[in-house]
């Protein structure tokens, strides 16, 4: 199966160049695969370049989802993102898609500093780390164990396995 890029999708939706629109239609006639990246880029182009409003962008995504000759990557995630985008158009389709792709992959919450996006189910604002987690992040023991040679651990190493693997030099 063939694949198409953002430009082909935009021609199919906008029909602004009759020759390219006809060529795009002919190209996908036997079937074409569409990546989620191409869908996301197309929504941005439609809004930023063609000045389409959220409802028009949503209709374009729906057209792509339902097109008989197109096979979208992760169509369930695209459809779920479209539902969220229709309810909350200020988010932008790409952000809605990010949440749905993370959800499909089993990797939620999606960390974001976008206040609006963080209100969507499946997204969250990262919080400041606790002092304990900061201390653990500074521990280099796993890094040292993987090296083929021994290097001295830092003075502030918090790992309790260091005496076992480096008894001659630990504690410092």
C-alpha atoms as a PDB file:
ATOM      1  CA  UNK A   1       0.000   0.000   0.000  1.00  0.00           C
ATOM      2  CA  UNK A   2       1.150   3.493  -0.768  1.00  0.00           C
ATOM      3  CA  UNK A   3       1.465   6.277   1.778  1.00  0.00           C
ATOM      4  CA  UNK A   4       0.730   9.979   1.521  1.00  0.00           C
ATOM      5  CA  UNK A   5       2.184  13.072   3.093  1.00  0.00           C
ATOM      6  CA  UNK A   6       0.617  16.233   4.457  1.00  0.00           C
ATOM      7  CA  UNK A   7       0.571  18.026   1.097  1.00  0.00           C
ATOM      8  CA  UNK A   8      -1.521  15.307  -0.534  1.00  0.00           C
ATOM      9  CA  UNK A   9      -4.002  15.385   2.365  1.00  0.00           C
ATOM     10  CA  UNK A  10      -4.266  19.166   2.198  1.00  0.00           C
ATOM     11  CA  UNK A  11      -4.924  19.051  -1.567  1.00  0.00           C
ATOM     12  CA  UNK A  12      -7.611  16.423  -1.026  1.00  0.00           C
ATOM     13  CA  UNK A  13      -9.314  18.549   1.635  1.00  0.00           C
ATOM     14  CA  UNK A  14      -8.952  22.071   0.241  1.00  0.00           C
ATOM     15  CA  UNK A  15      -9.240  21.330  -3.503  1.00  0.00           C
ATOM     16  CA  UNK A  16      -7.439  24.675  -3.996  1.00  0.00           C
ATOM     17  CA  UNK A  17      -5.332  23.418  -6.880  1.00  0.00           C
ATOM     18  CA  UNK A  18      -7.542  21.402  -9.260  1.00  0.00           C
ATOM     19  CA  UNK A  19      -4.607  19.641 -10.949  1.00  0.00           C
ATOM     20  CA  UNK A  20      -3.009  18.601  -7.676  1.00  0.00           C
ATOM     21  CA  UNK A  21      -6.365  17.634  -6.165  1.00  0.00           C
ATOM     22  CA  UNK A  22      -7.061  15.346  -9.141  1.00  0.00           C
ATOM     23  CA  UNK A  23      -3.552  13.889  -8.905  1.00  0.00           C
ATOM     24  CA  UNK A  24      -3.991  13.298  -5.165  1.00  0.00           C
ATOM     25  CA  UNK A  25      -7.336  11.577  -5.742  1.00  0.00           C
ATOM     26  CA  UNK A  26      -5.820   9.364  -8.443  1.00  0.00           C
ATOM     27  CA  UNK A  27      -2.815   8.523  -6.254  1.00  0.00           C
ATOM     28  CA  UNK A  28      -4.945   7.271  -3.349  1.00  0.00           C
ATOM     29  CA  UNK A  29      -7.554   5.513  -5.521  1.00  0.00           C
ATOM     30  CA  UNK A  30      -5.940   2.108  -5.026  1.00  0.00           C
ATOM     31  CA  UNK A  31      -5.475   2.728  -1.289  1.00  0.00           C
ATOM     32  CA  UNK A  32      -3.066   4.782   0.759  1.00  0.00           C
ATOM     33  CA  UNK A  33      -1.773   4.746   4.312  1.00  0.00           C
ATOM     34  CA  UNK A  34      -1.779   7.985   6.349  1.00  0.00           C
ATOM     35  CA  UNK A  35       0.479   8.451   9.376  1.00  0.00           C
ATOM     36  CA  UNK A  36      -0.769  10.241  12.472  1.00  0.00           C
ATOM     37  CA  UNK A  37       1.997  12.775  11.887  1.00  0.00           C
ATOM     38  CA  UNK A  38       0.585  13.629   8.451  1.00  0.00           C
ATOM     39  CA  UNK A  39      -2.895  14.038   9.958  1.00  0.00           C
ATOM     40  CA  UNK A  40      -1.558  16.291  12.720  1.00  0.00           C
ATOM     41  CA  UNK A  41       0.453  18.380  10.251  1.00  0.00           C
ATOM     42  CA  UNK A  42      -2.561  18.683   7.955  1.00  0.00           C
ATOM     43  CA  UNK A  43      -4.709  20.029  10.788  1.00  0.00           C
ATOM     44  CA  UNK A  44      -2.054  22.625  11.563  1.00  0.00           C
ATOM     45  CA  UNK A  45      -1.789  23.660   7.895  1.00  0.00           C
ATOM     46  CA  UNK A  46      -5.561  23.944   7.594  1.00  0.00           C
ATOM     47  CA  UNK A  47      -5.739  26.226  10.626  1.00  0.00           C
ATOM     48  CA  UNK A  48      -2.565  28.259  10.199  1.00  0.00           C
ATOM     49  CA  UNK A  49      -2.258  28.567   6.426  1.00  0.00           C
ATOM     50  CA  UNK A  50      -5.849  28.192   5.231  1.00  0.00           C
ATOM     51  CA  UNK A  51      -7.407  29.934   8.240  1.00  0.00           C
ATOM     52  CA  UNK A  52      -9.930  27.145   8.804  1.00  0.00           C
ATOM     53  CA  UNK A  53     -11.788  27.264  12.120  1.00  0.00           C
ATOM     54  CA  UNK A  54     -11.953  24.322  14.531  1.00  0.00           C
ATOM     55  CA  UNK A  55     -15.256  23.023  13.123  1.00  0.00           C
ATOM     56  CA  UNK A  56     -13.809  22.973   9.596  1.00  0.00           C
ATOM     57  CA  UNK A  57     -10.647  21.254  10.796  1.00  0.00           C
ATOM     58  CA  UNK A  58     -12.769  18.667  12.605  1.00  0.00           C
ATOM     59  CA  UNK A  59     -14.789  18.013   9.439  1.00  0.00           C
ATOM     60  CA  UNK A  60     -11.535  17.528   7.510  1.00  0.00           C
ATOM     61  CA  UNK A  61     -10.276  14.950  10.020  1.00  0.00           C
ATOM     62  CA  UNK A  62     -13.623  13.184   9.884  1.00  0.00           C
ATOM     63  CA  UNK A  63     -13.413  13.137   6.082  1.00  0.00           C
ATOM     64  CA  UNK A  64      -9.959  11.545   6.283  1.00  0.00           C
ATOM     65  CA  UNK A  65     -11.144   8.984   8.831  1.00  0.00           C
ATOM     66  CA  UNK A  66     -14.094   7.984   6.655  1.00  0.00           C
ATOM     67  CA  UNK A  67     -12.376   8.152   3.266  1.00  0.00           C
ATOM     68  CA  UNK A  68     -12.811   4.796   1.533  1.00  0.00           C
ATOM     69  CA  UNK A  69      -9.311   4.812   0.035  1.00  0.00           C
ATOM     70  CA  UNK A  70      -7.342   5.945   3.106  1.00  0.00           C
ATOM     71  CA  UNK A  71      -6.093   3.787   5.939  1.00  0.00           C
ATOM     72  CA  UNK A  72      -5.157   5.969   8.894  1.00  0.00           C
ATOM     73  CA  UNK A  73      -2.535   4.904  11.360  1.00  0.00           C
ATOM     74  CA  UNK A  74      -4.191   4.425  14.771  1.00  0.00           C
ATOM     75  CA  UNK A  75      -7.715   5.262  13.577  1.00  0.00           C
ATOM     76  CA  UNK A  76      -9.228   4.688  17.032  1.00  0.00           C
ATOM     77  CA  UNK A  77      -6.833   7.210  18.574  1.00  0.00           C
ATOM     78  CA  UNK A  78      -7.555   9.704  15.777  1.00  0.00           C
ATOM     79  CA  UNK A  79     -11.317   9.255  16.283  1.00  0.00           C
ATOM     80  CA  UNK A  80     -10.995   9.693  20.063  1.00  0.00           C
ATOM     81  CA  UNK A  81      -8.822  12.792  19.543  1.00  0.00           C
ATOM     82  CA  UNK A  82     -11.445  14.161  17.176  1.00  0.00           C
ATOM     83  CA  UNK A  83     -14.143  13.721  19.838  1.00  0.00           C
ATOM     84  CA  UNK A  84     -12.044  15.573  22.406  1.00  0.00           C
ATOM     85  CA  UNK A  85     -11.162  18.289  19.886  1.00  0.00           C
ATOM     86  CA  UNK A  86     -14.835  18.839  19.077  1.00  0.00           C
ATOM     87  CA  UNK A  87     -15.620  19.252  22.781  1.00  0.00           C
ATOM     88  CA  UNK A  88     -12.564  21.433  23.454  1.00  0.00           C
ATOM     89  CA  UNK A  89     -11.431  23.055  20.193  1.00  0.00           C
ATOM     90  CA  UNK A  90      -9.118  25.514  21.942  1.00  0.00           C
ATOM     91  CA  UNK A  91      -6.764  22.616  22.669  1.00  0.00           C
ATOM     92  CA  UNK A  92      -5.847  21.995  19.059  1.00  0.00           C
ATOM     93  CA  UNK A  93      -6.168  18.656  17.365  1.00  0.00           C
ATOM     94  CA  UNK A  94      -2.479  17.748  17.769  1.00  0.00           C
ATOM     95  CA  UNK A  95      -2.645  18.005  21.552  1.00  0.00           C
ATOM     96  CA  UNK A  96      -5.786  15.884  21.636  1.00  0.00           C
ATOM     97  CA  UNK A  97      -4.018  13.328  19.454  1.00  0.00           C
ATOM     98  CA  UNK A  98      -0.975  13.250  21.745  1.00  0.00           C
ATOM     99  CA  UNK A  99      -3.167  12.292  24.706  1.00  0.00           C
ATOM    100  CA  UNK A 100      -4.983   9.592  22.764  1.00  0.00           C
ATOM    101  CA  UNK A 101      -1.782   8.077  21.376  1.00  0.00           C
ATOM    102  CA  UNK A 102      -0.289   8.013  24.882  1.00  0.00           C
ATOM    103  CA  UNK A 103      -3.460   6.386  26.186  1.00  0.00           C
ATOM    104  CA  UNK A 104      -3.454   3.745  23.427  1.00  0.00           C
ATOM    105  CA  UNK A 105       0.178   2.953  24.188  1.00  0.00           C
ATOM    106  CA  UNK A 106      -0.632   2.639  27.902  1.00  0.00           C
ATOM    107  CA  UNK A 107       1.542   5.603  28.858  1.00  0.00           C
ATOM    108  CA  UNK A 108      -0.743   8.001  30.674  1.00  0.00           C
ATOM    109  CA  UNK A 109      -0.760  10.484  32.109  1.00  0.00           C
ATOM    110  CA  UNK A 110       0.773  12.600  29.389  1.00  0.00           C
ATOM    111  CA  UNK A 111       2.866  15.245  31.129  1.00  0.00           C
ATOM    112  CA  UNK A 112       2.120  18.768  29.975  1.00  0.00           C
ATOM    113  CA  UNK A 113       2.515  22.316  31.206  1.00  0.00           C
ATOM    114  CA  UNK A 114      -0.409  23.363  29.016  1.00  0.00           C
ATOM    115  CA  UNK A 115      -3.088  24.282  31.579  1.00  0.00           C
ATOM    116  CA  UNK A 116      -5.967  23.516  29.238  1.00  0.00           C
ATOM    117  CA  UNK A 117      -4.562  20.208  28.062  1.00  0.00           C
ATOM    118  CA  UNK A 118      -3.796  19.127  31.626  1.00  0.00           C
ATOM    119  CA  UNK A 119      -7.566  19.198  32.339  1.00  0.00           C
ATOM    120  CA  UNK A 120      -8.174  16.443  29.776  1.00  0.00           C
ATOM    121  CA  UNK A 121      -8.506  12.921  31.124  1.00  0.00           C
ATOM    122  CA  UNK A 122      -5.158  11.260  30.512  1.00  0.00           C
ATOM    123  CA  UNK A 123      -3.012  14.384  30.895  1.00  0.00           C
ATOM    124  CA  UNK A 124      -1.391  15.921  33.969  1.00  0.00           C
ATOM    125  CA  UNK A 125       0.926  18.738  34.975  1.00  0.00           C
ATOM    126  CA  UNK A 126       4.284  17.423  36.180  1.00  0.00           C
ATOM    127  CA  UNK A 127       4.828  18.282  39.836  1.00  0.00           C
ATOM    128  CA  UNK A 128       8.002  19.333  41.553  1.00  0.00           C
ATOM    129  CA  UNK A 129      10.077  16.379  42.698  1.00  0.00           C
ATOM    130  CA  UNK A 130      10.297  15.489  46.357  1.00  0.00           C
ATOM    131  CA  UNK A 131      13.669  15.925  48.099  1.00  0.00           C
ATOM    132  CA  UNK A 132      13.973  12.101  48.235  1.00  0.00           C
ATOM    133  CA  UNK A 133      13.488  11.708  44.483  1.00  0.00           C
ATOM    134  CA  UNK A 134      16.066  14.432  43.831  1.00  0.00           C
ATOM    135  CA  UNK A 135      18.530  12.575  46.044  1.00  0.00           C
ATOM    136  CA  UNK A 136      17.868   9.330  44.156  1.00  0.00           C
ATOM    137  CA  UNK A 137      18.330  11.049  40.813  1.00  0.00           C
ATOM    138  CA  UNK A 138      21.826  12.107  41.858  1.00  0.00           C
ATOM    139  CA  UNK A 139      22.869   8.529  42.556  1.00  0.00           C
ATOM    140  CA  UNK A 140      25.261   7.306  39.883  1.00  0.00           C
ATOM    141  CA  UNK A 141      25.623   3.719  41.066  1.00  0.00           C
ATOM    142  CA  UNK A 142      23.713   2.126  38.207  1.00  0.00           C
ATOM    143  CA  UNK A 143      25.914   4.070  35.819  1.00  0.00           C
ATOM    144  CA  UNK A 144      29.068   2.886  37.580  1.00  0.00           C
ATOM    145  CA  UNK A 145      28.018  -0.788  37.731  1.00  0.00           C
ATOM    146  CA  UNK A 146      27.581  -0.876  33.969  1.00  0.00           C
ATOM    147  CA  UNK A 147      31.047   0.418  33.243  1.00  0.00           C
ATOM    148  CA  UNK A 148      33.737  -2.131  32.383  1.00  0.00           C
ATOM    149  CA  UNK A 149      36.059  -0.433  34.846  1.00  0.00           C
ATOM    150  CA  UNK A 150      35.607   0.910  38.349  1.00  0.00           C
ATOM    151  CA  UNK A 151      35.372   4.617  38.930  1.00  0.00           C
ATOM    152  CA  UNK A 152      34.928   6.247  42.290  1.00  0.00           C
ATOM    153  CA  UNK A 153      31.334   7.114  43.161  1.00  0.00           C
ATOM    154  CA  UNK A 154      30.433  10.679  44.033  1.00  0.00           C
ATOM    155  CA  UNK A 155      30.533  11.695  47.700  1.00  0.00           C
ATOM    156  CA  UNK A 156      26.763  12.214  47.812  1.00  0.00           C
ATOM    157  CA  UNK A 157      25.914   8.761  46.456  1.00  0.00           C
ATOM    158  CA  UNK A 158      22.875   7.428  48.258  1.00  0.00           C
ATOM    159  CA  UNK A 159      22.947   3.848  47.071  1.00  0.00           C
ATOM    160  CA  UNK A 160      23.212   1.074  49.642  1.00  0.00           C
ATOM    161  CA  UNK A 161      24.682  -1.433  47.163  1.00  0.00           C
ATOM    162  CA  UNK A 162      27.976   0.408  46.824  1.00  0.00           C
ATOM    163  CA  UNK A 163      29.636  -1.364  49.790  1.00  0.00           C
ATOM    164  CA  UNK A 164      28.840  -4.708  48.124  1.00  0.00           C
ATOM    165  CA  UNK A 165      30.258  -3.904  44.711  1.00  0.00           C
ATOM    166  CA  UNK A 166      33.114  -1.639  45.727  1.00  0.00           C
ATOM    167  CA  UNK A 167      34.091  -2.655  49.288  1.00  0.00           C
ATOM    168  CA  UNK A 168      37.678  -1.389  48.951  1.00  0.00           C
ATOM    169  CA  UNK A 169      36.728   2.210  48.308  1.00  0.00           C
ATOM    170  CA  UNK A 170      33.225   2.558  49.782  1.00  0.00           C
ATOM    171  CA  UNK A 171      32.349   4.443  51.872  1.00  0.00           C
ATOM    172  CA  UNK A 172      34.535   7.258  50.666  1.00  0.00           C
END
